[in-house]
Amino acid sequence: MSFLTDRKRATGLGSAKTGTQHHWHMTVSSVALLGLIPLFVFTFGHILGAPYAEVVAYYQRPFPAIIGILTLLVGFMHFCGGFQTMIEDYVHGFARKALIIWMICLSYSAAAVGVFAIVRIAL
């Protein structure tokens, strides 16, 4: 028999014990994107509409390539967290688990393809 009250057992745990951590990750990725998106628009917008050879030469420089890679990685991490929250809120049963696994695979695959493309151009 436990002498703890329900409130004492639940203090600091949240409903699934990870809600605060998930919120913190989403907040950090939002703040990171707040700085990365303007940098990406500045670097990408500068070269938009240029010939292919000029774009390749531009992305062979480290700063635009790093900004592009960081924006892709943080953006897909943020997408993954937000989409997972949406699935958890509105989908139930086996479909929830299947969609979460599909979404994680999709976001990691898209991030990997994007990073591979930028690295291939940069090297």
PDB file of N, CA and C in Angstrom:
ATOM      1  N   MET A   1       0.848  -1.179   0.000  1.00  0.00           N
ATOM      2  CA  MET A   1       0.000   0.000   0.000  1.00  0.00           C
ATOM      3  C   MET A   1       0.886   1.232   0.000  1.00  0.00           C
ATOM      4  N   SER A   2       0.578   2.149  -0.869  1.00  0.00           N
ATOM      5  CA  SER A   2       1.362   3.369  -0.990  1.00  0.00           C
ATOM      6  C   SER A   2       0.685   4.489  -0.216  1.00  0.00           C
ATOM      7  N   PHE A   3       1.493   5.273   0.471  1.00  0.00           N
ATOM      8  CA  PHE A   3       0.958   6.392   1.236  1.00  0.00           C
ATOM      9  C   PHE A   3       1.087   7.712   0.483  1.00  0.00           C
ATOM     10  N   LEU A   4       1.453   7.654  -0.803  1.00  0.00           N
ATOM     11  CA  LEU A   4       1.551   8.857  -1.612  1.00  0.00           C
ATOM     12  C   LEU A   4       0.189   9.232  -2.166  1.00  0.00           C
ATOM     13  N   THR A   5      -0.061  10.506  -2.235  1.00  0.00           N
ATOM     14  CA  THR A   5      -1.301  10.968  -2.854  1.00  0.00           C
ATOM     15  C   THR A   5      -1.147  10.916  -4.371  1.00  0.00           C
ATOM     16  N   ASP A   6      -2.274  10.996  -5.069  1.00  0.00           N
ATOM     17  CA  ASP A   6      -2.234  10.988  -6.532  1.00  0.00           C
ATOM     18  C   ASP A   6      -1.429  12.169  -7.065  1.00  0.00           C
ATOM     19  N   ARG A   7      -1.580  13.302  -6.431  1.00  0.00           N
ATOM     20  CA  ARG A   7      -0.851  14.500  -6.862  1.00  0.00           C
ATOM     21  C   ARG A   7       0.651  14.306  -6.696  1.00  0.00           C
ATOM     22  N   LYS A   8       1.067  13.708  -5.576  1.00  0.00           N
ATOM     23  CA  LYS A   8       2.494  13.510  -5.323  1.00  0.00           C
ATOM     24  C   LYS A   8       3.094  12.530  -6.332  1.00  0.00           C
ATOM     25  N   ARG A   9       2.348  11.498  -6.723  1.00  0.00           N
ATOM     26  CA  ARG A   9       2.832  10.537  -7.710  1.00  0.00           C
ATOM     27  C   ARG A   9       2.949  11.162  -9.096  1.00  0.00           C
ATOM     28  N   ALA A  10       2.103  12.121  -9.415  1.00  0.00           N
ATOM     29  CA  ALA A  10       2.068  12.707 -10.755  1.00  0.00           C
ATOM     30  C   ALA A  10       2.925  13.956 -10.888  1.00  0.00           C
ATOM     31  N   THR A  11       3.459  14.489  -9.821  1.00  0.00           N
ATOM     32  CA  THR A  11       4.210  15.734  -9.874  1.00  0.00           C
ATOM     33  C   THR A  11       5.441  15.599 -10.756  1.00  0.00           C
ATOM     34  N   GLY A  12       5.545  16.472 -11.744  1.00  0.00           N
ATOM     35  CA  GLY A  12       6.715  16.528 -12.609  1.00  0.00           C
ATOM     36  C   GLY A  12       6.745  15.506 -13.715  1.00  0.00           C
ATOM     37  N   LEU A  13       5.776  14.608 -13.773  1.00  0.00           N
ATOM     38  CA  LEU A  13       5.811  13.571 -14.794  1.00  0.00           C
ATOM     39  C   LEU A  13       5.069  13.945 -16.056  1.00  0.00           C
ATOM     40  N   GLY A  14       4.039  14.729 -15.968  1.00  0.00           N
ATOM     41  CA  GLY A  14       3.225  15.006 -17.143  1.00  0.00           C
ATOM     42  C   GLY A  14       2.385  13.789 -17.482  1.00  0.00           C
ATOM     43  N   SER A  15       1.630  13.867 -18.540  1.00  0.00           N
ATOM     44  CA  SER A  15       0.740  12.757 -18.874  1.00  0.00           C
ATOM     45  C   SER A  15       1.502  11.563 -19.434  1.00  0.00           C
ATOM     46  N   ALA A  16       2.549  11.812 -20.224  1.00  0.00           N
ATOM     47  CA  ALA A  16       3.314  10.709 -20.818  1.00  0.00           C
ATOM     48  C   ALA A  16       4.778  10.770 -20.417  1.00  0.00           C
ATOM     49  N   LYS A  17       5.099  11.607 -19.484  1.00  0.00           N
ATOM     50  CA  LYS A  17       6.442  11.773 -18.927  1.00  0.00           C
ATOM     51  C   LYS A  17       7.432  12.426 -19.879  1.00  0.00           C
ATOM     52  N   THR A  18       6.997  12.826 -21.084  1.00  0.00           N
ATOM     53  CA  THR A  18       7.916  13.459 -22.026  1.00  0.00           C
ATOM     54  C   THR A  18       7.352  14.735 -22.636  1.00  0.00           C
ATOM     55  N   GLY A  19       6.213  15.194 -22.174  1.00  0.00           N
ATOM     56  CA  GLY A  19       5.580  16.369 -22.766  1.00  0.00           C
ATOM     57  C   GLY A  19       6.431  17.615 -22.649  1.00  0.00           C
ATOM     58  N   THR A  20       7.056  17.826 -21.503  1.00  0.00           N
ATOM     59  CA  THR A  20       7.886  19.008 -21.308  1.00  0.00           C
ATOM     60  C   THR A  20       9.120  18.957 -22.205  1.00  0.00           C
ATOM     61  N   GLN A  21       9.715  17.787 -22.320  1.00  0.00           N
ATOM     62  CA  GLN A  21      10.888  17.635 -23.180  1.00  0.00           C
ATOM     63  C   GLN A  21      10.526  17.891 -24.642  1.00  0.00           C
ATOM     64  N   HIS A  22       9.394  17.372 -25.077  1.00  0.00           N
ATOM     65  CA  HIS A  22       8.958  17.593 -26.455  1.00  0.00           C
ATOM     66  C   HIS A  22       8.701  19.077 -26.702  1.00  0.00           C
ATOM     67  N   HIS A  23       8.039  19.731 -25.759  1.00  0.00           N
ATOM     68  CA  HIS A  23       7.777  21.170 -25.894  1.00  0.00           C
ATOM     69  C   HIS A  23       9.095  21.950 -25.946  1.00  0.00           C
ATOM     70  N   TRP A  24      10.048  21.561 -25.128  1.00  0.00           N
ATOM     71  CA  TRP A  24      11.338  22.241 -25.105  1.00  0.00           C
ATOM     72  C   TRP A  24      12.063  22.064 -26.443  1.00  0.00           C
ATOM     73  N   HIS A  25      12.040  20.867 -27.007  1.00  0.00           N
ATOM     74  CA  HIS A  25      12.683  20.627 -28.303  1.00  0.00           C
ATOM     75  C   HIS A  25      12.022  21.456 -29.410  1.00  0.00           C
ATOM     76  N   MET A  26      10.711  21.547 -29.382  1.00  0.00           N
ATOM     77  CA  MET A  26      10.008  22.350 -30.383  1.00  0.00           C
ATOM     78  C   MET A  26      10.342  23.833 -30.220  1.00  0.00           C
ATOM     79  N   THR A  27      10.453  24.295 -28.983  1.00  0.00           N
ATOM     80  CA  THR A  27      10.796  25.696 -28.738  1.00  0.00           C
ATOM     81  C   THR A  27      12.205  26.004 -29.221  1.00  0.00           C
ATOM     82  N   VAL A  28      13.146  25.132 -28.922  1.00  0.00           N
ATOM     83  CA  VAL A  28      14.537  25.339 -29.340  1.00  0.00           C
ATOM     84  C   VAL A  28      14.647  25.312 -30.870  1.00  0.00           C
ATOM     85  N   SER A  29      13.964  24.370 -31.514  1.00  0.00           N
ATOM     86  CA  SER A  29      14.037  24.321 -32.977  1.00  0.00           C
ATOM     87  C   SER A  29      13.343  25.531 -33.595  1.00  0.00           C
ATOM     88  N   SER A  30      12.295  26.049 -32.954  1.00  0.00           N
ATOM     89  CA  SER A  30      11.642  27.263 -33.458  1.00  0.00           C
ATOM     90  C   SER A  30      12.571  28.460 -33.393  1.00  0.00           C
ATOM     91  N   VAL A  31      13.281  28.590 -32.286  1.00  0.00           N
ATOM     92  CA  VAL A  31      14.221  29.705 -32.137  1.00  0.00           C
ATOM     93  C   VAL A  31      15.369  29.565 -33.128  1.00  0.00           C
ATOM     94  N   ALA A  32      15.841  28.333 -33.328  1.00  0.00           N
ATOM     95  CA  ALA A  32      16.909  28.115 -34.307  1.00  0.00           C
ATOM     96  C   ALA A  32      16.431  28.477 -35.712  1.00  0.00           C
ATOM     97  N   LEU A  33      15.215  28.088 -36.046  1.00  0.00           N
ATOM     98  CA  LEU A  33      14.674  28.425 -37.365  1.00  0.00           C
ATOM     99  C   LEU A  33      14.433  29.914 -37.514  1.00  0.00           C
ATOM    100  N   LEU A  34      14.158  30.578 -36.408  1.00  0.00           N
ATOM    101  CA  LEU A  34      13.967  32.024 -36.445  1.00  0.00           C
ATOM    102  C   LEU A  34      15.213  32.731 -36.964  1.00  0.00           C
ATOM    103  N   GLY A  35      16.385  32.207 -36.665  1.00  0.00           N
ATOM    104  CA  GLY A  35      17.622  32.774 -37.188  1.00  0.00           C
ATOM    105  C   GLY A  35      18.043  32.183 -38.524  1.00  0.00           C
ATOM    106  N   LEU A  36      17.762  30.881 -38.711  1.00  0.00           N
ATOM    107  CA  LEU A  36      18.231  30.200 -39.918  1.00  0.00           C
ATOM    108  C   LEU A  36      17.425  30.560 -41.169  1.00  0.00           C
ATOM    109  N   ILE A  37      16.132  30.738 -41.036  1.00  0.00           N
ATOM    110  CA  ILE A  37      15.302  31.018 -42.207  1.00  0.00           C
ATOM    111  C   ILE A  37      15.699  32.330 -42.886  1.00  0.00           C
ATOM    112  N   PRO A  38      15.875  33.438 -42.144  1.00  0.00           N
ATOM    113  CA  PRO A  38      16.329  34.660 -42.835  1.00  0.00           C
ATOM    114  C   PRO A  38      17.709  34.498 -43.480  1.00  0.00           C
ATOM    115  N   LEU A  39      18.612  33.775 -42.807  1.00  0.00           N
ATOM    116  CA  LEU A  39      19.924  33.537 -43.415  1.00  0.00           C
ATOM    117  C   LEU A  39      19.793  32.704 -44.685  1.00  0.00           C
ATOM    118  N   PHE A  40      18.926  31.696 -44.652  1.00  0.00           N
ATOM    119  CA  PHE A  40      18.722  30.855 -45.837  1.00  0.00           C
ATOM    120  C   PHE A  40      18.103  31.662 -46.972  1.00  0.00           C
ATOM    121  N   VAL A  41      17.104  32.476 -46.648  1.00  0.00           N
ATOM    122  CA  VAL A  41      16.469  33.297 -47.686  1.00  0.00           C
ATOM    123  C   VAL A  41      17.485  34.273 -48.273  1.00  0.00           C
ATOM    124  N   PHE A  42      18.334  34.835 -47.429  1.00  0.00           N
ATOM    125  CA  PHE A  42      19.366  35.756 -47.912  1.00  0.00           C
ATOM    126  C   PHE A  42      20.358  35.046 -48.825  1.00  0.00           C
ATOM    127  N   THR A  43      20.845  33.863 -48.409  1.00  0.00           N
ATOM    128  CA  THR A  43      21.838  33.155 -49.219  1.00  0.00           C
ATOM    129  C   THR A  43      21.204  32.542 -50.470  1.00  0.00           C
ATOM    130  N   PHE A  44      20.025  31.961 -50.343  1.00  0.00           N
ATOM    131  CA  PHE A  44      19.385  31.330 -51.490  1.00  0.00           C
ATOM    132  C   PHE A  44      18.817  32.376 -52.444  1.00  0.00           C
ATOM    133  N   GLY A  45      18.243  33.427 -51.907  1.00  0.00           N
ATOM    134  CA  GLY A  45      17.672  34.480 -52.740  1.00  0.00           C
ATOM    135  C   GLY A  45      18.714  35.215 -53.551  1.00  0.00           C
ATOM    136  N   HIS A  46      19.923  35.269 -53.015  1.00  0.00           N
ATOM    137  CA  HIS A  46      21.023  35.941 -53.713  1.00  0.00           C
ATOM    138  C   HIS A  46      21.363  35.237 -55.022  1.00  0.00           C
ATOM    139  N   ILE A  47      21.236  33.916 -55.037  1.00  0.00           N
ATOM    140  CA  ILE A  47      21.666  33.147 -56.200  1.00  0.00           C
ATOM    141  C   ILE A  47      20.482  32.642 -57.037  1.00  0.00           C
ATOM    142  N   LEU A  48      19.273  32.940 -56.635  1.00  0.00           N
ATOM    143  CA  LEU A  48      18.079  32.476 -57.330  1.00  0.00           C
ATOM    144  C   LEU A  48      18.027  33.030 -58.754  1.00  0.00           C
ATOM    145  N   GLY A  49      17.839  32.154 -59.710  1.00  0.00           N
ATOM    146  CA  GLY A  49      17.741  32.546 -61.113  1.00  0.00           C
ATOM    147  C   GLY A  49      19.077  32.610 -61.835  1.00  0.00           C
ATOM    148  N   ALA A  50      20.152  32.297 -61.156  1.00  0.00           N
ATOM    149  CA  ALA A  50      21.482  32.322 -61.777  1.00  0.00           C
ATOM    150  C   ALA A  50      21.692  31.038 -62.596  1.00  0.00           C
ATOM    151  N   PRO A  51      22.632  31.046 -63.508  1.00  0.00           N
ATOM    152  CA  PRO A  51      22.945  29.830 -64.261  1.00  0.00           C
ATOM    153  C   PRO A  51      23.481  28.727 -63.341  1.00  0.00           C
ATOM    154  N   TYR A  52      23.350  27.488 -63.807  1.00  0.00           N
ATOM    155  CA  TYR A  52      23.724  26.320 -63.011  1.00  0.00           C
ATOM    156  C   TYR A  52      25.172  26.385 -62.528  1.00  0.00           C
ATOM    157  N   ALA A  53      26.089  26.748 -63.391  1.00  0.00           N
ATOM    158  CA  ALA A  53      27.511  26.786 -63.024  1.00  0.00           C
ATOM    159  C   ALA A  53      27.758  27.810 -61.919  1.00  0.00           C
ATOM    160  N   GLU A  54      27.068  28.922 -61.969  1.00  0.00           N
ATOM    161  CA  GLU A  54      27.240  29.943 -60.932  1.00  0.00           C
ATOM    162  C   GLU A  54      26.656  29.477 -59.594  1.00  0.00           C
ATOM    163  N   VAL A  55      25.534  28.757 -59.644  1.00  0.00           N
ATOM    164  CA  VAL A  55      24.926  28.226 -58.414  1.00  0.00           C
ATOM    165  C   VAL A  55      25.849  27.200 -57.774  1.00  0.00           C
ATOM    166  N   VAL A  56      26.423  26.317 -58.590  1.00  0.00           N
ATOM    167  CA  VAL A  56      27.349  25.310 -58.058  1.00  0.00           C
ATOM    168  C   VAL A  56      28.562  25.983 -57.445  1.00  0.00           C
ATOM    169  N   ALA A  57      29.105  26.977 -58.106  1.00  0.00           N
ATOM    170  CA  ALA A  57      30.266  27.691 -57.562  1.00  0.00           C
ATOM    171  C   ALA A  57      29.901  28.411 -56.264  1.00  0.00           C
ATOM    172  N   TYR A  58      28.686  28.936 -56.188  1.00  0.00           N
ATOM    173  CA  TYR A  58      28.250  29.645 -54.975  1.00  0.00           C
ATOM    174  C   TYR A  58      28.104  28.688 -53.804  1.00  0.00           C
ATOM    175  N   TYR A  59      27.497  27.518 -54.040  1.00  0.00           N
ATOM    176  CA  TYR A  59      27.298  26.554 -52.960  1.00  0.00           C
ATOM    177  C   TYR A  59      28.543  25.740 -52.648  1.00  0.00           C
ATOM    178  N   GLN A  60      29.617  25.937 -53.382  1.00  0.00           N
ATOM    179  CA  GLN A  60      30.880  25.316 -53.011  1.00  0.00           C
ATOM    180  C   GLN A  60      31.587  26.115 -51.918  1.00  0.00           C
ATOM    181  N   ARG A  61      31.112  27.311 -51.680  1.00  0.00           N
ATOM    182  CA  ARG A  61      31.632  28.082 -50.555  1.00  0.00           C
ATOM    183  C   ARG A  61      31.014  27.534 -49.277  1.00  0.00           C
ATOM    184  N   PRO A  62      31.759  27.563 -48.161  1.00  0.00           N
ATOM    185  CA  PRO A  62      31.262  26.905 -46.943  1.00  0.00           C
ATOM    186  C   PRO A  62      30.027  27.558 -46.316  1.00  0.00           C
ATOM    187  N   PHE A  63      29.943  28.886 -46.279  1.00  0.00           N
ATOM    188  CA  PHE A  63      28.846  29.534 -45.567  1.00  0.00           C
ATOM    189  C   PHE A  63      27.471  29.195 -46.143  1.00  0.00           C
ATOM    190  N   PRO A  64      27.243  29.342 -47.457  1.00  0.00           N
ATOM    191  CA  PRO A  64      25.916  28.983 -47.983  1.00  0.00           C
ATOM    192  C   PRO A  64      25.591  27.497 -47.821  1.00  0.00           C
ATOM    193  N   ALA A  65      26.594  26.641 -47.975  1.00  0.00           N
ATOM    194  CA  ALA A  65      26.356  25.200 -47.833  1.00  0.00           C
ATOM    195  C   ALA A  65      25.987  24.852 -46.390  1.00  0.00           C
ATOM    196  N   ILE A  66      26.691  25.429 -45.430  1.00  0.00           N
ATOM    197  CA  ILE A  66      26.393  25.156 -44.019  1.00  0.00           C
ATOM    198  C   ILE A  66      25.021  25.688 -43.639  1.00  0.00           C
ATOM    199  N   ILE A  67      24.679  26.884 -44.090  1.00  0.00           N
ATOM    200  CA  ILE A  67      23.362  27.452 -43.794  1.00  0.00           C
ATOM    201  C   ILE A  67      22.263  26.575 -44.403  1.00  0.00           C
ATOM    202  N   GLY A  68      22.458  26.113 -45.627  1.00  0.00           N
ATOM    203  CA  GLY A  68      21.472  25.238 -46.264  1.00  0.00           C
ATOM    204  C   GLY A  68      21.301  23.926 -45.520  1.00  0.00           C
ATOM    205  N   ILE A  69      22.397  23.306 -45.126  1.00  0.00           N
ATOM    206  CA  ILE A  69      22.338  22.030 -44.407  1.00  0.00           C
ATOM    207  C   ILE A  69      21.682  22.213 -43.036  1.00  0.00           C
ATOM    208  N   LEU A  70      22.078  23.235 -42.299  1.00  0.00           N
ATOM    209  CA  LEU A  70      21.478  23.469 -40.984  1.00  0.00           C
ATOM    210  C   LEU A  70      19.984  23.763 -41.092  1.00  0.00           C
ATOM    211  N   THR A  71      19.604  24.534 -42.085  1.00  0.00           N
ATOM    212  CA  THR A  71      18.183  24.845 -42.262  1.00  0.00           C
ATOM    213  C   THR A  71      17.394  23.578 -42.577  1.00  0.00           C
ATOM    214  N   LEU A  72      17.936  22.722 -43.431  1.00  0.00           N
ATOM    215  CA  LEU A  72      17.258  21.462 -43.749  1.00  0.00           C
ATOM    216  C   LEU A  72      17.127  20.570 -42.511  1.00  0.00           C
ATOM    217  N   LEU A  73      18.213  20.396 -41.780  1.00  0.00           N
ATOM    218  CA  LEU A  73      18.185  19.504 -40.629  1.00  0.00           C
ATOM    219  C   LEU A  73      17.245  20.006 -39.535  1.00  0.00           C
ATOM    220  N   VAL A  74      17.363  21.272 -39.169  1.00  0.00           N
ATOM    221  CA  VAL A  74      16.514  21.817 -38.116  1.00  0.00           C
ATOM    222  C   VAL A  74      15.065  21.891 -38.584  1.00  0.00           C
ATOM    223  N   GLY A  75      14.856  22.233 -39.852  1.00  0.00           N
ATOM    224  CA  GLY A  75      13.500  22.301 -40.385  1.00  0.00           C
ATOM    225  C   GLY A  75      12.802  20.952 -40.374  1.00  0.00           C
ATOM    226  N   PHE A  76      13.490  19.905 -40.789  1.00  0.00           N
ATOM    227  CA  PHE A  76      12.878  18.584 -40.779  1.00  0.00           C
ATOM    228  C   PHE A  76      12.723  18.040 -39.359  1.00  0.00           C
ATOM    229  N   MET A  77      13.622  18.392 -38.451  1.00  0.00           N
ATOM    230  CA  MET A  77      13.456  17.999 -37.055  1.00  0.00           C
ATOM    231  C   MET A  77      12.199  18.663 -36.481  1.00  0.00           C
ATOM    232  N   HIS A  78      12.001  19.938 -36.795  1.00  0.00           N
ATOM    233  CA  HIS A  78      10.824  20.662 -36.322  1.00  0.00           C
ATOM    234  C   HIS A  78       9.549  20.097 -36.961  1.00  0.00           C
ATOM    235  N   PHE A  79       9.611  19.795 -38.249  1.00  0.00           N
ATOM    236  CA  PHE A  79       8.480  19.167 -38.941  1.00  0.00           C
ATOM    237  C   PHE A  79       8.115  17.843 -38.291  1.00  0.00           C
ATOM    238  N   CYS A  80       9.117  17.045 -37.988  1.00  0.00           N
ATOM    239  CA  CYS A  80       8.896  15.730 -37.384  1.00  0.00           C
ATOM    240  C   CYS A  80       8.185  15.868 -36.039  1.00  0.00           C
ATOM    241  N   GLY A  81       8.639  16.787 -35.208  1.00  0.00           N
ATOM    242  CA  GLY A  81       8.014  16.990 -33.901  1.00  0.00           C
ATOM    243  C   GLY A  81       6.595  17.520 -34.007  1.00  0.00           C
ATOM    244  N   GLY A  82       6.371  18.464 -34.882  1.00  0.00           N
ATOM    245  CA  GLY A  82       5.033  19.021 -35.048  1.00  0.00           C
ATOM    246  C   GLY A  82       4.048  18.028 -35.630  1.00  0.00           C
ATOM    247  N   PHE A  83       4.484  17.284 -36.617  1.00  0.00           N
ATOM    248  CA  PHE A  83       3.602  16.290 -37.239  1.00  0.00           C
ATOM    249  C   PHE A  83       3.297  15.168 -36.255  1.00  0.00           C
ATOM    250  N   GLN A  84       4.286  14.794 -35.443  1.00  0.00           N
ATOM    251  CA  GLN A  84       4.053  13.760 -34.428  1.00  0.00           C
ATOM    252  C   GLN A  84       3.015  14.224 -33.420  1.00  0.00           C
ATOM    253  N   THR A  85       3.074  15.481 -33.009  1.00  0.00           N
ATOM    254  CA  THR A  85       2.078  16.018 -32.088  1.00  0.00           C
ATOM    255  C   THR A  85       0.690  15.977 -32.711  1.00  0.00           C
ATOM    256  N   MET A  86       0.594  16.336 -33.983  1.00  0.00           N
ATOM    257  CA  MET A  86      -0.695  16.309 -34.671  1.00  0.00           C
ATOM    258  C   MET A  86      -1.246  14.886 -34.741  1.00  0.00           C
ATOM    259  N   ILE A  87      -0.396  13.930 -35.049  1.00  0.00           N
ATOM    260  CA  ILE A  87      -0.828  12.533 -35.116  1.00  0.00           C
ATOM    261  C   ILE A  87      -1.284  12.051 -33.744  1.00  0.00           C
ATOM    262  N   GLU A  88      -0.514  12.365 -32.706  1.00  0.00           N
ATOM    263  CA  GLU A  88      -0.879  11.929 -31.358  1.00  0.00           C
ATOM    264  C   GLU A  88      -2.202  12.522 -30.906  1.00  0.00           C
ATOM    265  N   ASP A  89      -2.513  13.729 -31.351  1.00  0.00           N
ATOM    266  CA  ASP A  89      -3.756  14.383 -30.939  1.00  0.00           C
ATOM    267  C   ASP A  89      -4.978  13.853 -31.680  1.00  0.00           C
ATOM    268  N   TYR A  90      -4.853  13.476 -32.939  1.00  0.00           N
ATOM    269  CA  TYR A  90      -6.031  13.197 -33.758  1.00  0.00           C
ATOM    270  C   TYR A  90      -6.160  11.767 -34.277  1.00  0.00           C
ATOM    271  N   VAL A  91      -5.152  10.926 -34.114  1.00  0.00           N
ATOM    272  CA  VAL A  91      -5.216   9.558 -34.626  1.00  0.00           C
ATOM    273  C   VAL A  91      -5.087   8.598 -33.446  1.00  0.00           C
ATOM    274  N   HIS A  92      -5.841   7.506 -33.499  1.00  0.00           N
ATOM    275  CA  HIS A  92      -5.836   6.555 -32.381  1.00  0.00           C
ATOM    276  C   HIS A  92      -5.597   5.140 -32.900  1.00  0.00           C
ATOM    277  N   GLY A  93      -5.177   4.272 -32.000  1.00  0.00           N
ATOM    278  CA  GLY A  93      -4.996   2.860 -32.323  1.00  0.00           C
ATOM    279  C   GLY A  93      -3.714   2.586 -33.091  1.00  0.00           C
ATOM    280  N   PHE A  94      -3.759   1.511 -33.893  1.00  0.00           N
ATOM    281  CA  PHE A  94      -2.585   1.080 -34.655  1.00  0.00           C
ATOM    282  C   PHE A  94      -2.164   2.128 -35.677  1.00  0.00           C
ATOM    283  N   ALA A  95      -3.133   2.853 -36.222  1.00  0.00           N
ATOM    284  CA  ALA A  95      -2.820   3.872 -37.230  1.00  0.00           C
ATOM    285  C   ALA A  95      -1.893   4.941 -36.661  1.00  0.00           C
ATOM    286  N   ARG A  96      -2.030   5.245 -35.376  1.00  0.00           N
ATOM    287  CA  ARG A  96      -1.157   6.235 -34.739  1.00  0.00           C
ATOM    288  C   ARG A  96       0.294   5.787 -34.819  1.00  0.00           C
ATOM    289  N   LYS A  97       0.565   4.562 -34.402  1.00  0.00           N
ATOM    290  CA  LYS A  97       1.943   4.061 -34.418  1.00  0.00           C
ATOM    291  C   LYS A  97       2.485   3.975 -35.843  1.00  0.00           C
ATOM    292  N   ALA A  98       1.656   3.489 -36.759  1.00  0.00           N
ATOM    293  CA  ALA A  98       2.093   3.356 -38.146  1.00  0.00           C
ATOM    294  C   ALA A  98       2.409   4.717 -38.757  1.00  0.00           C
ATOM    295  N   LEU A  99       1.560   5.715 -38.511  1.00  0.00           N
ATOM    296  CA  LEU A  99       1.793   7.049 -39.067  1.00  0.00           C
ATOM    297  C   LEU A  99       3.016   7.721 -38.446  1.00  0.00           C
ATOM    298  N   ILE A 100       3.230   7.518 -37.162  1.00  0.00           N
ATOM    299  CA  ILE A 100       4.405   8.105 -36.518  1.00  0.00           C
ATOM    300  C   ILE A 100       5.679   7.500 -37.094  1.00  0.00           C
ATOM    301  N   ILE A 101       5.696   6.191 -37.263  1.00  0.00           N
ATOM    302  CA  ILE A 101       6.874   5.539 -37.848  1.00  0.00           C
ATOM    303  C   ILE A 101       7.088   6.011 -39.287  1.00  0.00           C
ATOM    304  N   TRP A 102       6.006   6.095 -40.075  1.00  0.00           N
ATOM    305  CA  TRP A 102       6.102   6.566 -41.457  1.00  0.00           C
ATOM    306  C   TRP A 102       6.609   8.000 -41.508  1.00  0.00           C
ATOM    307  N   MET A 103       6.106   8.846 -40.615  1.00  0.00           N
ATOM    308  CA  MET A 103       6.500  10.255 -40.601  1.00  0.00           C
ATOM    309  C   MET A 103       7.977  10.408 -40.218  1.00  0.00           C
ATOM    310  N   ILE A 104       8.432   9.634 -39.258  1.00  0.00           N
ATOM    311  CA  ILE A 104       9.842   9.708 -38.871  1.00  0.00           C
ATOM    312  C   ILE A 104      10.731   9.249 -40.024  1.00  0.00           C
ATOM    313  N   CYS A 105      10.361   8.146 -40.665  1.00  0.00           N
ATOM    314  CA  CYS A 105      11.141   7.668 -41.820  1.00  0.00           C
ATOM    315  C   CYS A 105      11.141   8.687 -42.949  1.00  0.00           C
ATOM    316  N   LEU A 106       9.990   9.292 -43.217  1.00  0.00           N
ATOM    317  CA  LEU A 106       9.885  10.286 -44.273  1.00  0.00           C
ATOM    318  C   LEU A 106      10.737  11.513 -43.982  1.00  0.00           C
ATOM    319  N   SER A 107      10.660  12.033 -42.776  1.00  0.00           N
ATOM    320  CA  SER A 107      11.408  13.256 -42.467  1.00  0.00           C
ATOM    321  C   SER A 107      12.916  13.001 -42.443  1.00  0.00           C
ATOM    322  N   TYR A 108      13.348  11.864 -41.899  1.00  0.00           N
ATOM    323  CA  TYR A 108      14.780  11.560 -41.917  1.00  0.00           C
ATOM    324  C   TYR A 108      15.281  11.319 -43.337  1.00  0.00           C
ATOM    325  N   SER A 109      14.467  10.647 -44.144  1.00  0.00           N
ATOM    326  CA  SER A 109      14.862  10.389 -45.540  1.00  0.00           C
ATOM    327  C   SER A 109      14.966  11.687 -46.330  1.00  0.00           C
ATOM    328  N   ALA A 110      13.988  12.558 -46.171  1.00  0.00           N
ATOM    329  CA  ALA A 110      14.015  13.833 -46.893  1.00  0.00           C
ATOM    330  C   ALA A 110      15.193  14.692 -46.442  1.00  0.00           C
ATOM    331  N   ALA A 111      15.479  14.695 -45.147  1.00  0.00           N
ATOM    332  CA  ALA A 111      16.625  15.452 -44.647  1.00  0.00           C
ATOM    333  C   ALA A 111      17.930  14.870 -45.201  1.00  0.00           C
ATOM    334  N   ALA A 112      18.032  13.553 -45.230  1.00  0.00           N
ATOM    335  CA  ALA A 112      19.242  12.915 -45.748  1.00  0.00           C
ATOM    336  C   ALA A 112      19.435  13.212 -47.235  1.00  0.00           C
ATOM    337  N   VAL A 113      18.363  13.166 -48.003  1.00  0.00           N
ATOM    338  CA  VAL A 113      18.460  13.461 -49.436  1.00  0.00           C
ATOM    339  C   VAL A 113      18.872  14.913 -49.652  1.00  0.00           C
ATOM    340  N   GLY A 114      18.298  15.834 -48.883  1.00  0.00           N
ATOM    341  CA  GLY A 114      18.652  17.246 -49.006  1.00  0.00           C
ATOM    342  C   GLY A 114      20.096  17.523 -48.629  1.00  0.00           C
ATOM    343  N   VAL A 115      20.546  16.920 -47.534  1.00  0.00           N
ATOM    344  CA  VAL A 115      21.942  17.107 -47.116  1.00  0.00           C
ATOM    345  C   VAL A 115      22.882  16.483 -48.150  1.00  0.00           C
ATOM    346  N   PHE A 116      22.524  15.299 -48.660  1.00  0.00           N
ATOM    347  CA  PHE A 116      23.345  14.663 -49.690  1.00  0.00           C
ATOM    348  C   PHE A 116      23.459  15.553 -50.925  1.00  0.00           C
ATOM    349  N   ALA A 117      22.354  16.164 -51.320  1.00  0.00           N
ATOM    350  CA  ALA A 117      22.373  17.030 -52.504  1.00  0.00           C
ATOM    351  C   ALA A 117      23.272  18.235 -52.293  1.00  0.00           C
ATOM    352  N   ILE A 118      23.184  18.863 -51.132  1.00  0.00           N
ATOM    353  CA  ILE A 118      24.026  20.032 -50.860  1.00  0.00           C
ATOM    354  C   ILE A 118      25.492  19.631 -50.760  1.00  0.00           C
ATOM    355  N   VAL A 119      25.760  18.518 -50.106  1.00  0.00           N
ATOM    356  CA  VAL A 119      27.160  18.057 -49.984  1.00  0.00           C
ATOM    357  C   VAL A 119      27.709  17.685 -51.356  1.00  0.00           C
ATOM    358  N   ARG A 120      26.892  17.071 -52.189  1.00  0.00           N
ATOM    359  CA  ARG A 120      27.347  16.704 -53.531  1.00  0.00           C
ATOM    360  C   ARG A 120      27.678  17.955 -54.357  1.00  0.00           C
ATOM    361  N   ILE A 121      26.873  18.989 -54.218  1.00  0.00           N
ATOM    362  CA  ILE A 121      27.158  20.246 -54.917  1.00  0.00           C
ATOM    363  C   ILE A 121      28.399  20.896 -54.332  1.00  0.00           C
ATOM    364  N   ALA A 122      28.535  20.856 -52.992  1.00  0.00           N
ATOM    365  CA  ALA A 122      29.631  21.553 -52.320  1.00  0.00           C
ATOM    366  C   ALA A 122      30.975  20.878 -52.577  1.00  0.00           C
ATOM    367  N   LEU A 123      30.977  19.594 -52.824  1.00  0.00           N
ATOM    368  CA  LEU A 123      32.260  18.912 -53.034  1.00  0.00           C
ATOM    369  C   LEU A 123      32.538  18.755 -54.461  1.00  0.00           C
TER     370      LEU A 123
END
